[in-house]
C-alpha atoms as a PDB file:
ATOM      1  CA  MET A   1     305.004 -14.987  16.136  1.00  0.00           C
ATOM      2  CA  ASN A   2     303.161 -13.707  12.607  1.00  0.00           C
ATOM      3  CA  VAL A   3     303.950  -9.778  12.930  1.00  0.00           C
ATOM      4  CA  ARG A   4     306.060  -8.415  10.700  1.00  0.00           C
ATOM      5  CA  ARG A   5     306.884  -5.329  11.604  1.00  0.00           C
ATOM      6  CA  LEU A   6     304.813  -2.590  13.468  1.00  0.00           C
ATOM      7  CA  ILE A   7     303.499   0.216  11.750  1.00  0.00           C
ATOM      8  CA  PRO A   8     303.172   3.948  13.802  1.00  0.00           C
ATOM      9  CA  THR A   9     300.048   5.060  14.060  1.00  0.00           C
ATOM     10  CA  THR A  10     298.566   8.052  16.199  1.00  0.00           C
ATOM     11  CA  ALA A  11     298.452   7.217  19.717  1.00  0.00           C
ATOM     12  CA  LEU A  12     294.795   6.994  20.793  1.00  0.00           C
ATOM     13  CA  ALA A  13     294.907   9.978  23.297  1.00  0.00           C
ATOM     14  CA  ALA A  14     296.105  12.019  19.816  1.00  0.00           C
ATOM     15  CA  ALA A  15     293.516  10.232  17.817  1.00  0.00           C
ATOM     16  CA  VAL A  16     290.708  10.978  20.043  1.00  0.00           C
ATOM     17  CA  ALA A  17     290.846  14.723  19.738  1.00  0.00           C
ATOM     18  CA  LEU A  18     291.278  14.038  15.913  1.00  0.00           C
ATOM     19  CA  GLY A  19     288.243  12.535  15.834  1.00  0.00           C
ATOM     20  CA  ALA A  20     286.756  14.841  17.741  1.00  0.00           C
ATOM     21  CA  THR A  21     288.203  17.832  15.907  1.00  0.00           C
ATOM     22  CA  ALA A  22     286.601  16.114  13.429  1.00  0.00           C
ATOM     23  CA  LEU A  23     283.247  16.068  14.817  1.00  0.00           C
ATOM     24  CA  THR A  24     283.549  19.920  15.806  1.00  0.00           C
ATOM     25  CA  ALA A  25     280.726  20.621  13.383  1.00  0.00           C
ATOM     26  CA  CYS A  26     278.537  18.278  14.732  1.00  0.00           C
ATOM     27  CA  SER A  27     279.052  18.733  18.237  1.00  0.00           C
ATOM     28  CA  ASP A  28     277.472  22.377  18.338  1.00  0.00           C
ATOM     29  CA  THR A  29     274.068  21.285  16.144  1.00  0.00           C
ATOM     30  CA  ALA A  30     274.084  18.078  17.625  1.00  0.00           C
ATOM     31  CA  GLY A  31     270.523  18.964  19.082  1.00  0.00           C
ATOM     32  CA  ALA A  32     269.127  20.009  15.988  1.00  0.00           C
ATOM     33  CA  ALA A  33     270.807  17.185  13.878  1.00  0.00           C
ATOM     34  CA  GLY A  34     270.473  13.671  14.005  1.00  0.00           C
ATOM     35  CA  THR A  35     266.577  11.666  12.415  1.00  0.00           C
ATOM     36  CA  ALA A  36     263.345  12.749  12.680  1.00  0.00           C
ATOM     37  CA  ASP A  37     262.720  11.567  15.925  1.00  0.00           C
ATOM     38  CA  GLY A  38     266.365  13.579  17.396  1.00  0.00           C
ATOM     39  CA  LYS A  39     268.704  10.898  17.552  1.00  0.00           C
ATOM     40  CA  LEU A  40     272.535  10.656  16.023  1.00  0.00           C
ATOM     41  CA  HIS A  41     272.102   9.045  12.583  1.00  0.00           C
ATOM     42  CA  VAL A  42     274.917   7.105  12.658  1.00  0.00           C
ATOM     43  CA  THR A  43     276.547   5.069   9.440  1.00  0.00           C
ATOM     44  CA  ALA A  44     278.992   2.441  10.270  1.00  0.00           C
ATOM     45  CA  SER A  45     280.452   0.949   7.368  1.00  0.00           C
ATOM     46  CA  PHE A  46     279.854  -2.720   8.600  1.00  0.00           C
ATOM     47  CA  TYR A  47     279.226  -4.985  11.346  1.00  0.00           C
ATOM     48  CA  PRO A  48     281.868  -4.790  13.716  1.00  0.00           C
ATOM     49  CA  LEU A  49     281.567  -1.160  13.654  1.00  0.00           C
ATOM     50  CA  GLN A  50     277.764  -0.418  13.535  1.00  0.00           C
ATOM     51  CA  PHE A  51     278.144  -3.071  16.999  1.00  0.00           C
ATOM     52  CA  LEU A  52     280.145  -0.733  18.745  1.00  0.00           C
ATOM     53  CA  ALA A  53     278.374   2.098  17.585  1.00  0.00           C
ATOM     54  CA  GLU A  54     274.919   0.182  19.223  1.00  0.00           C
ATOM     55  CA  GLN A  55     276.292  -0.436  22.049  1.00  0.00           C
ATOM     56  CA  ILE A  56     277.884   2.793  22.977  1.00  0.00           C
ATOM     57  CA  GLY A  57     275.180   4.855  21.451  1.00  0.00           C
ATOM     58  CA  GLY A  58     272.411   3.098  22.676  1.00  0.00           C
ATOM     59  CA  ASP A  59     268.853   4.809  22.737  1.00  0.00           C
ATOM     60  CA  HIS A  60     270.481   8.164  21.531  1.00  0.00           C
ATOM     61  CA  VAL A  61     271.428   6.643  17.857  1.00  0.00           C
ATOM     62  CA  LYS A  62     270.491   5.781  14.780  1.00  0.00           C
ATOM     63  CA  VAL A  63     272.546   3.298  13.079  1.00  0.00           C
ATOM     64  CA  ASP A  64     272.894   2.069   9.739  1.00  0.00           C
ATOM     65  CA  THR A  65     275.198   0.045   7.666  1.00  0.00           C
ATOM     66  CA  LEU A  66     276.668  -0.453   4.772  1.00  0.00           C
ATOM     67  CA  THR A  67     277.030  -3.488   4.483  1.00  0.00           C
ATOM     68  CA  LYS A  68     274.117  -5.803   4.599  1.00  0.00           C
ATOM     69  CA  PRO A  69     274.044  -9.540   6.563  1.00  0.00           C
ATOM     70  CA  GLY A  70     275.539 -11.990   4.237  1.00  0.00           C
ATOM     71  CA  VAL A  71     277.300  -9.567   2.129  1.00  0.00           C
ATOM     72  CA  GLU A  72     281.562 -10.254   2.135  1.00  0.00           C
ATOM     73  CA  PRO A  73     283.112  -6.558   3.295  1.00  0.00           C
ATOM     74  CA  HIS A  74     285.599  -6.835   1.157  1.00  0.00           C
ATOM     75  CA  ASP A  75     283.728  -6.703  -2.095  1.00  0.00           C
ATOM     76  CA  LEU A  76     281.104  -4.466  -1.037  1.00  0.00           C
ATOM     77  CA  GLU A  77     280.002  -1.973  -3.788  1.00  0.00           C
ATOM     78  CA  ILE A  78     277.419   1.026  -2.835  1.00  0.00           C
ATOM     79  CA  THR A  79     275.014   1.584  -4.255  1.00  0.00           C
ATOM     80  CA  PRO A  80     273.855   5.552  -5.330  1.00  0.00           C
ATOM     81  CA  LYS A  81     270.991   5.084  -2.371  1.00  0.00           C
ATOM     82  CA  GLN A  82     273.761   4.276  -0.152  1.00  0.00           C
ATOM     83  CA  THR A  83     275.891   7.270  -1.229  1.00  0.00           C
ATOM     84  CA  GLY A  84     272.562   9.786  -0.947  1.00  0.00           C
ATOM     85  CA  GLN A  85     272.148   8.070   3.026  1.00  0.00           C
ATOM     86  CA  LEU A  86     275.901   7.998   3.845  1.00  0.00           C
ATOM     87  CA  SER A  87     276.057  12.044   2.609  1.00  0.00           C
ATOM     88  CA  GLU A  88     272.904  13.071   5.388  1.00  0.00           C
ATOM     89  CA  SER A  89     273.939  10.962   8.142  1.00  0.00           C
ATOM     90  CA  ASP A  90     275.494  13.232  11.091  1.00  0.00           C
ATOM     91  CA  VAL A  91     278.719  10.166  11.980  1.00  0.00           C
ATOM     92  CA  VAL A  92     280.068   8.067   9.824  1.00  0.00           C
ATOM     93  CA  LEU A  93     282.224   5.519  11.326  1.00  0.00           C
ATOM     94  CA  TYR A  94     284.385   3.620   9.242  1.00  0.00           C
ATOM     95  CA  LEU A  95     287.604   1.658   8.691  1.00  0.00           C
ATOM     96  CA  LYS A  96     290.246   2.612   5.760  1.00  0.00           C
ATOM     97  CA  SER A  97     291.131   0.506   3.391  1.00  0.00           C
ATOM     98  CA  LEU A  98     289.362  -2.375   4.615  1.00  0.00           C
ATOM     99  CA  GLN A  99     286.414  -1.527   2.067  1.00  0.00           C
ATOM    100  CA  PRO A 100     288.074   1.150  -1.105  1.00  0.00           C
ATOM    101  CA  ALA A 101     284.201   0.852  -2.207  1.00  0.00           C
ATOM    102  CA  VAL A 102     283.119   3.064   0.984  1.00  0.00           C
ATOM    103  CA  ASP A 103     286.353   4.765   0.889  1.00  0.00           C
ATOM    104  CA  LYS A 104     285.564   6.209  -2.103  1.00  0.00           C
ATOM    105  CA  ALA A 105     281.964   7.216  -1.190  1.00  0.00           C
ATOM    106  CA  VAL A 106     282.872   8.700   2.305  1.00  0.00           C
ATOM    107  CA  ALA A 107     285.272  10.898   0.189  1.00  0.00           C
ATOM    108  CA  GLN A 108     282.667  11.738  -2.164  1.00  0.00           C
ATOM    109  CA  SER A 109     279.739  12.174   0.250  1.00  0.00           C
ATOM    110  CA  GLY A 110     280.349  15.375   1.882  1.00  0.00           C
ATOM    111  CA  VAL A 111     279.903  14.164   5.151  1.00  0.00           C
ATOM    112  CA  LYS A 112     282.137  15.960   7.413  1.00  0.00           C
ATOM    113  CA  ASN A 113     282.187  14.145  10.480  1.00  0.00           C
ATOM    114  CA  VAL A 114     283.694  11.080  10.187  1.00  0.00           C
ATOM    115  CA  VAL A 115     285.994   8.738  12.367  1.00  0.00           C
ATOM    116  CA  ASP A 116     288.728   6.249  10.657  1.00  0.00           C
ATOM    117  CA  ALA A 117     288.948   3.274  13.773  1.00  0.00           C
ATOM    118  CA  ALA A 118     292.241   2.843  12.211  1.00  0.00           C
ATOM    119  CA  THR A 119     293.355   6.292  13.818  1.00  0.00           C
ATOM    120  CA  LEU A 120     291.581   4.647  17.337  1.00  0.00           C
ATOM    121  CA  THR A 121     294.560   2.078  17.776  1.00  0.00           C
ATOM    122  CA  LYS A 122     297.666   0.837  15.994  1.00  0.00           C
ATOM    123  CA  LEU A 123     297.406  -1.499  13.294  1.00  0.00           C
ATOM    124  CA  GLU A 124     300.227  -3.862  12.620  1.00  0.00           C
ATOM    125  CA  VAL A 125     301.135  -6.200   9.644  1.00  0.00           C
ATOM    126  CA  HIS A 126     300.411  -9.490   9.855  1.00  0.00           C
ATOM    127  CA  GLY A 127     301.647 -12.627   7.667  1.00  0.00           C
ATOM    128  CA  THR A 128     302.528 -16.126   7.752  1.00  0.00           C
ATOM    129  CA  SER A 129     305.679 -17.684   7.876  1.00  0.00           C
ATOM    130  CA  GLY A 130     305.211 -19.375   4.754  1.00  0.00           C
ATOM    131  CA  GLU A 131     302.405 -17.339   3.435  1.00  0.00           C
ATOM    132  CA  GLU A 132     303.359 -15.686   0.163  1.00  0.00           C
ATOM    133  CA  ASP A 133     302.716 -11.976  -0.869  1.00  0.00           C
ATOM    134  CA  HIS A 134     299.768 -12.249  -3.380  1.00  0.00           C
ATOM    135  CA  ASP A 135     300.334 -10.329  -6.053  1.00  0.00           C
ATOM    136  CA  HIS A 136     296.731  -9.081  -6.746  1.00  0.00           C
ATOM    137  CA  ALA A 137     297.751  -7.433 -10.416  1.00  0.00           C
ATOM    138  CA  ALA A 138     299.411 -10.817 -11.597  1.00  0.00           C
ATOM    139  CA  GLU A 139     296.476 -12.728 -10.006  1.00  0.00           C
ATOM    140  CA  GLY A 140     294.215 -10.574 -12.008  1.00  0.00           C
ATOM    141  CA  HIS A 141     292.956  -8.429  -8.909  1.00  0.00           C
ATOM    142  CA  ASP A 142     292.920  -4.862  -9.892  1.00  0.00           C
ATOM    143  CA  ASP A 143     293.781  -2.056  -6.894  1.00  0.00           C
ATOM    144  CA  HIS A 144     290.057  -1.937  -6.333  1.00  0.00           C
ATOM    145  CA  ASP A 145     289.804  -5.425  -4.822  1.00  0.00           C
ATOM    146  CA  HIS A 146     291.334  -5.837  -0.997  1.00  0.00           C
ATOM    147  CA  SER A 147     293.186  -3.321  -0.896  1.00  0.00           C
ATOM    148  CA  HIS A 148     294.654  -2.509   2.821  1.00  0.00           C
ATOM    149  CA  GLY A 149     296.364  -0.015   2.842  1.00  0.00           C
ATOM    150  CA  GLU A 150     299.973   1.851   1.212  1.00  0.00           C
ATOM    151  CA  ALA A 151     301.870  -0.579   3.746  1.00  0.00           C
ATOM    152  CA  GLY A 152     299.519  -3.185   3.871  1.00  0.00           C
ATOM    153  CA  GLU A 153     297.974  -2.977   7.481  1.00  0.00           C
ATOM    154  CA  ASP A 154     295.964  -5.423   9.001  1.00  0.00           C
ATOM    155  CA  PRO A 155     292.842  -4.090   9.341  1.00  0.00           C
ATOM    156  CA  HIS A 156     291.084  -6.869  11.295  1.00  0.00           C
ATOM    157  CA  VAL A 157     291.759  -5.498  14.657  1.00  0.00           C
ATOM    158  CA  TRP A 158     288.085  -6.230  15.824  1.00  0.00           C
ATOM    159  CA  LEU A 159     289.390  -9.591  16.437  1.00  0.00           C
ATOM    160  CA  ASP A 160     291.839  -8.241  19.176  1.00  0.00           C
ATOM    161  CA  PRO A 161     289.219  -7.510  22.557  1.00  0.00           C
ATOM    162  CA  ALA A 162     291.589  -5.392  23.883  1.00  0.00           C
ATOM    163  CA  LYS A 163     291.974  -3.601  20.371  1.00  0.00           C
ATOM    164  CA  TYR A 164     288.791  -3.701  19.592  1.00  0.00           C
ATOM    165  CA  ALA A 165     288.678  -1.965  23.272  1.00  0.00           C
ATOM    166  CA  GLU A 166     290.750   1.260  22.130  1.00  0.00           C
ATOM    167  CA  ILE A 167     288.326   1.584  19.286  1.00  0.00           C
ATOM    168  CA  ALA A 168     285.357   1.437  21.679  1.00  0.00           C
ATOM    169  CA  LYS A 169     287.304   4.242  23.707  1.00  0.00           C
ATOM    170  CA  GLY A 170     287.929   6.044  20.868  1.00  0.00           C
ATOM    171  CA  PHE A 171     284.715   6.656  19.295  1.00  0.00           C
ATOM    172  CA  GLY A 172     282.912   6.735  22.987  1.00  0.00           C
ATOM    173  CA  ALA A 173     284.923  10.475  23.322  1.00  0.00           C
ATOM    174  CA  VAL A 174     284.154  11.760  20.148  1.00  0.00           C
ATOM    175  CA  LEU A 175     280.030  10.842  20.518  1.00  0.00           C
ATOM    176  CA  GLU A 176     280.365  12.383  23.795  1.00  0.00           C
ATOM    177  CA  LYS A 177     281.676  15.761  21.548  1.00  0.00           C
ATOM    178  CA  ALA A 178     278.703  15.032  19.152  1.00  0.00           C
ATOM    179  CA  ASP A 179     275.936  15.318  21.535  1.00  0.00           C
ATOM    180  CA  PRO A 180     276.895  16.267  24.811  1.00  0.00           C
ATOM    181  CA  GLY A 181     273.739  16.763  25.754  1.00  0.00           C
ATOM    182  CA  HIS A 182     274.115  12.936  26.254  1.00  0.00           C
ATOM    183  CA  ALA A 183     277.811  12.647  27.070  1.00  0.00           C
ATOM    184  CA  ALA A 184     277.405  10.827  30.407  1.00  0.00           C
ATOM    185  CA  ASP A 185     275.351   7.872  28.763  1.00  0.00           C
ATOM    186  CA  TYR A 186     277.850   7.255  26.122  1.00  0.00           C
ATOM    187  CA  LYS A 187     280.926   7.436  28.865  1.00  0.00           C
ATOM    188  CA  LYS A 188     279.054   4.744  30.617  1.00  0.00           C
ATOM    189  CA  ASN A 189     277.712   2.852  28.009  1.00  0.00           C
ATOM    190  CA  THR A 190     281.322   3.324  26.615  1.00  0.00           C
ATOM    191  CA  ASP A 191     282.883   1.966  30.135  1.00  0.00           C
ATOM    192  CA  GLU A 192     280.709  -1.161  30.271  1.00  0.00           C
ATOM    193  CA  LEU A 193     281.481  -2.233  26.505  1.00  0.00           C
ATOM    194  CA  VAL A 194     285.300  -1.783  27.872  1.00  0.00           C
ATOM    195  CA  ALA A 195     284.731  -3.884  30.768  1.00  0.00           C
ATOM    196  CA  LYS A 196     283.122  -6.608  28.808  1.00  0.00           C
ATOM    197  CA  LEU A 197     285.855  -6.526  26.518  1.00  0.00           C
ATOM    198  CA  GLY A 198     287.963  -6.949  28.898  1.00  0.00           C
ATOM    199  CA  ALA A 199     286.162 -10.204  30.445  1.00  0.00           C
ATOM    200  CA  LEU A 200     286.602 -11.322  27.032  1.00  0.00           C
ATOM    201  CA  ASP A 201     290.335 -10.829  27.044  1.00  0.00           C
ATOM    202  CA  THR A 202     290.709 -12.558  30.189  1.00  0.00           C
ATOM    203  CA  GLU A 203     288.600 -15.345  28.663  1.00  0.00           C
ATOM    204  CA  PHE A 204     290.818 -15.921  25.756  1.00  0.00           C
ATOM    205  CA  LYS A 205     293.731 -15.372  27.533  1.00  0.00           C
ATOM    206  CA  ASP A 206     293.243 -18.065  30.074  1.00  0.00           C
ATOM    207  CA  GLY A 207     291.526 -20.772  27.293  1.00  0.00           C
ATOM    208  CA  LEU A 208     294.443 -20.856  24.597  1.00  0.00           C
ATOM    209  CA  LYS A 209     297.059 -20.854  27.847  1.00  0.00           C
ATOM    210  CA  ASN A 210     297.444 -24.562  27.850  1.00  0.00           C
ATOM    211  CA  THR A 211     297.005 -26.157  24.606  1.00  0.00           C
ATOM    212  CA  ALA A 212     298.722 -29.263  22.648  1.00  0.00           C
ATOM    213  CA  SER A 213     299.580 -26.715  19.628  1.00  0.00           C
ATOM    214  CA  ARG A 214     300.176 -23.418  18.583  1.00  0.00           C
ATOM    215  CA  THR A 215     299.306 -23.048  15.290  1.00  0.00           C
ATOM    216  CA  PHE A 216     296.311 -23.211  13.340  1.00  0.00           C
ATOM    217  CA  ILE A 217     295.095 -23.068   9.531  1.00  0.00           C
ATOM    218  CA  THR A 218     292.384 -20.332   8.387  1.00  0.00           C
ATOM    219  CA  THR A 219     291.015 -20.042   4.700  1.00  0.00           C
ATOM    220  CA  HIS A 220     291.210 -16.524   5.501  1.00  0.00           C
ATOM    221  CA  SER A 221     294.550 -14.558   7.048  1.00  0.00           C
ATOM    222  CA  ALA A 222     291.839 -11.847   8.920  1.00  0.00           C
ATOM    223  CA  PHE A 223     293.310 -13.275  12.604  1.00  0.00           C
ATOM    224  CA  GLY A 224     296.560 -11.794  12.968  1.00  0.00           C
ATOM    225  CA  TYR A 225     295.668  -9.767  16.229  1.00  0.00           C
ATOM    226  CA  LEU A 226     294.302 -12.662  17.338  1.00  0.00           C
ATOM    227  CA  ALA A 227     297.424 -14.775  17.347  1.00  0.00           C
ATOM    228  CA  GLU A 228     299.660 -12.500  18.237  1.00  0.00           C
ATOM    229  CA  ARG A 229     297.205 -11.371  21.396  1.00  0.00           C
ATOM    230  CA  TYR A 230     297.344 -15.049  22.516  1.00  0.00           C
ATOM    231  CA  GLY A 231     300.277 -16.321  21.701  1.00  0.00           C
ATOM    232  CA  LEU A 232     299.281 -18.400  18.584  1.00  0.00           C
ATOM    233  CA  ASP A 233     300.520 -19.082  14.948  1.00  0.00           C
ATOM    234  CA  GLN A 234     297.951 -18.366  12.118  1.00  0.00           C
ATOM    235  CA  GLU A 235     298.707 -20.193   9.214  1.00  0.00           C
ATOM    236  CA  GLY A 236     296.656 -18.536   6.623  1.00  0.00           C
ATOM    237  CA  ILE A 237     295.750 -20.695   3.334  1.00  0.00           C
ATOM    238  CA  SER A 238     294.719 -17.392   0.844  1.00  0.00           C
ATOM    239  CA  GLY A 239     296.367 -14.063   2.729  1.00  0.00           C
ATOM    240  CA  VAL A 240     294.059 -11.507   3.867  1.00  0.00           C
ATOM    241  CA  ASP A 241     292.307 -12.020   0.889  1.00  0.00           C
ATOM    242  CA  PRO A 242     289.536 -14.712   1.210  1.00  0.00           C
ATOM    243  CA  GLU A 243     288.456 -15.533  -2.704  1.00  0.00           C
ATOM    244  CA  SER A 244     292.236 -15.536  -3.670  1.00  0.00           C
ATOM    245  CA  GLU A 245     293.039 -19.156  -4.392  1.00  0.00           C
ATOM    246  CA  PRO A 246     296.426 -20.894  -2.879  1.00  0.00           C
ATOM    247  CA  SER A 247     299.318 -21.985  -5.512  1.00  0.00           C
ATOM    248  CA  PRO A 248     299.857 -25.787  -4.789  1.00  0.00           C
ATOM    249  CA  ALA A 249     303.305 -24.877  -3.110  1.00  0.00           C
ATOM    250  CA  ARG A 250     301.567 -23.058  -0.908  1.00  0.00           C
ATOM    251  CA  MET A 251     299.002 -25.862  -0.617  1.00  0.00           C
ATOM    252  CA  LYS A 252     302.456 -28.146   0.128  1.00  0.00           C
ATOM    253  CA  GLU A 253     303.460 -26.213   2.672  1.00  0.00           C
ATOM    254  CA  LEU A 254     300.688 -25.857   4.634  1.00  0.00           C
ATOM    255  CA  GLN A 255     300.362 -29.906   4.613  1.00  0.00           C
ATOM    256  CA  ALA A 256     304.100 -29.776   5.698  1.00  0.00           C
ATOM    257  CA  VAL A 257     303.219 -27.093   8.359  1.00  0.00           C
ATOM    258  CA  ALA A 258     300.143 -29.489   9.534  1.00  0.00           C
ATOM    259  CA  LYS A 259     302.214 -32.669  10.028  1.00  0.00           C
ATOM    260  CA  LYS A 260     304.714 -30.723  12.036  1.00  0.00           C
ATOM    261  CA  ASP A 261     302.708 -28.718  14.063  1.00  0.00           C
ATOM    262  CA  ASN A 262     300.282 -31.652  14.837  1.00  0.00           C
ATOM    263  CA  VAL A 263     297.499 -29.463  13.032  1.00  0.00           C
ATOM    264  CA  THR A 264     294.224 -31.080  13.561  1.00  0.00           C
ATOM    265  CA  THR A 265     291.402 -28.675  11.611  1.00  0.00           C
ATOM    266  CA  VAL A 266     291.185 -26.718   8.838  1.00  0.00           C
ATOM    267  CA  PHE A 267     289.442 -23.490   9.377  1.00  0.00           C
ATOM    268  CA  PHE A 268     287.017 -21.831   7.185  1.00  0.00           C
ATOM    269  CA  GLU A 269     284.434 -19.268   7.440  1.00  0.00           C
ATOM    270  CA  THR A 270     280.677 -18.483   6.947  1.00  0.00           C
ATOM    271  CA  LEU A 271     280.650 -15.486   4.540  1.00  0.00           C
ATOM    272  CA  ALA A 272     283.429 -17.046   2.301  1.00  0.00           C
ATOM    273  CA  SER A 273     283.819 -20.187  -0.138  1.00  0.00           C
ATOM    274  CA  ASP A 274     284.705 -23.641   2.399  1.00  0.00           C
ATOM    275  CA  LYS A 275     286.288 -25.070  -0.828  1.00  0.00           C
ATOM    276  CA  THR A 276     290.366 -24.283  -0.343  1.00  0.00           C
ATOM    277  CA  ALA A 277     289.641 -25.296   3.416  1.00  0.00           C
ATOM    278  CA  LYS A 278     287.836 -29.038   2.373  1.00  0.00           C
ATOM    279  CA  THR A 279     290.481 -29.588  -0.114  1.00  0.00           C
ATOM    280  CA  LEU A 280     293.195 -29.193   2.214  1.00  0.00           C
ATOM    281  CA  ALA A 281     291.293 -31.656   4.889  1.00  0.00           C
ATOM    282  CA  ARG A 282     290.330 -33.338   2.479  1.00  0.00           C
ATOM    283  CA  ASP A 283     294.357 -34.125   1.487  1.00  0.00           C
ATOM    284  CA  THR A 284     295.983 -34.177   4.516  1.00  0.00           C
ATOM    285  CA  GLY A 285     293.100 -36.082   6.507  1.00  0.00           C
ATOM    286  CA  LEU A 286     292.231 -33.121   8.967  1.00  0.00           C
ATOM    287  CA  GLN A 287     288.750 -32.131  10.198  1.00  0.00           C
ATOM    288  CA  THR A 288     287.139 -28.912   9.517  1.00  0.00           C
ATOM    289  CA  ASP A 289     285.517 -26.401  11.462  1.00  0.00           C
ATOM    290  CA  VAL A 290     284.403 -22.970  11.822  1.00  0.00           C
ATOM    291  CA  LEU A 291     286.296 -19.864  12.663  1.00  0.00           C
ATOM    292  CA  ASP A 292     284.138 -16.811  12.099  1.00  0.00           C
ATOM    293  CA  PRO A 293     285.928 -13.479  11.086  1.00  0.00           C
ATOM    294  CA  LEU A 294     282.755 -11.097  11.920  1.00  0.00           C
ATOM    295  CA  GLU A 295     282.300  -9.202   9.500  1.00  0.00           C
ATOM    296  CA  GLY A 296     278.885 -10.023   9.339  1.00  0.00           C
ATOM    297  CA  ILE A 297     276.417 -12.038  11.361  1.00  0.00           C
ATOM    298  CA  THR A 298     273.745 -14.069   9.389  1.00  0.00           C
ATOM    299  CA  ASP A 299     271.358 -17.117  10.537  1.00  0.00           C
ATOM    300  CA  LYS A 300     274.779 -19.119   9.565  1.00  0.00           C
ATOM    301  CA  SER A 301     276.852 -17.325  12.254  1.00  0.00           C
ATOM    302  CA  GLN A 302     277.692 -19.287  15.484  1.00  0.00           C
ATOM    303  CA  GLY A 303     275.966 -16.527  17.353  1.00  0.00           C
ATOM    304  CA  ALA A 304     273.769 -13.782  17.651  1.00  0.00           C
ATOM    305  CA  ASP A 305     276.191 -10.738  18.551  1.00  0.00           C
ATOM    306  CA  TYR A 306     279.954 -10.135  18.795  1.00  0.00           C
ATOM    307  CA  PHE A 307     280.623 -11.697  21.717  1.00  0.00           C
ATOM    308  CA  GLU A 308     279.182 -14.952  20.947  1.00  0.00           C
ATOM    309  CA  VAL A 309     280.623 -15.351  17.930  1.00  0.00           C
ATOM    310  CA  MET A 310     284.011 -14.705  19.498  1.00  0.00           C
ATOM    311  CA  ARG A 311     283.285 -17.222  22.363  1.00  0.00           C
ATOM    312  CA  SER A 312     281.837 -19.767  19.611  1.00  0.00           C
ATOM    313  CA  ASN A 313     285.694 -18.805  18.423  1.00  0.00           C
ATOM    314  CA  LEU A 314     287.132 -20.034  21.624  1.00  0.00           C
ATOM    315  CA  LYS A 315     285.575 -23.098  21.757  1.00  0.00           C
ATOM    316  CA  ASN A 316     286.761 -24.301  17.916  1.00  0.00           C
ATOM    317  CA  LEU A 317     290.118 -22.821  19.003  1.00  0.00           C
ATOM    318  CA  GLN A 318     290.501 -24.958  21.644  1.00  0.00           C
ATOM    319  CA  LYS A 319     288.643 -28.109  20.092  1.00  0.00           C
ATOM    320  CA  ALA A 320     291.616 -27.336  17.393  1.00  0.00           C
ATOM    321  CA  LEU A 321     294.538 -26.787  19.337  1.00  0.00           C
ATOM    322  CA  GLY A 322     293.622 -29.420  22.113  1.00  0.00           C
ATOM    323  CA  THR A 323     293.284 -27.531  25.292  1.00  0.00           C
ATOM    324  CA  LYS A 324     294.984 -29.215  28.478  1.00  0.00           C
END
C-alpha cells in the first residue's frame, strides 16, 4: 500500500468537542450574529469544504469560499478584501496546512469560531513506492509553497468518501452547537450527506473490486487516501506539488512501472498543467485521461458537484484499470 505511516491525531469525538468548544462564543449569539438575512455566515477555504458546509447548512447558512473556481488551491493568495470578509465570518471551515495563505489569513483575522477539518478525521502520510521526496528549497520552492504540515501529512482527505463523511459528522455537530435553533435541521442534513457518502463508498468498493491492474499513474499525488481505501497503488509523477517538475530518473522509473504493472493510462487534472502527463504518455505509448482531485469545480470539470465528479473519477479509473 501507499501509506508510509499513520499520524496519530485527535479522535473524532474529541475533535468534535474541540470544535464545539471553539464555537462556544458563537452559540450564545447565533440569533443575533450572521448575515443581514439572519443566516449564519460560514467561510470555507476551498471547494470540498464549501460543498460540505452548503450541504449541511442548507437554508440556514450563507457560505462563501476563499478559493474561486479555476484557482489552484495550493497557489492561492489572499487579498486584503478577502481578509476583511474572513474577519466578519461567524464560522470559518478550513484544512490547515493545505493552503499556507489561508492559514496565515485565518490566524490574522481574529475570528474566534474556527474549525480545522483535519482535526475531524485521521491524517496519514502517503507516498508512492518509487516517488522521490522533493526538496522544495532545492527546487526553488520556499516554505510558502505547498507545505503540508510539519510531519508531511497528506491533506487530501475528501477524496476518501469515508473520511469525508467523518468531517461531515464533525462539522455538523459544530453547526448544531453554533446555531442550536436549527440543530435538528443540521442533524438531518448531516445524516443525509453521510448516507450519500456511504453509498458512494460502496460504489467505489464494488466498482474497483476486480480489475486487471491495481496501479494508476497521476501527475498530482492527491489520491493516496482513495488508493488506500480501495486497495490501489498510486504512482505520482510530481508528488503532492502539482506544479513541480519530475526528475528524468523519476520519469524513467514510471516507464518501468507502467510496463511491469500493465498501466494503460496516465492521469492529469483540470486545474494544473497536463504537460508532464502527456510527455510520459507519449514516451510510453499510454493514453491520458482525467482524474480530478476535486479542489475546485469549473466548466471543464466532469460533473457539476462533488458526487458527479467522484463518479466520473470512478468511471475513468475502471476504464484505465481494466474492470472485469
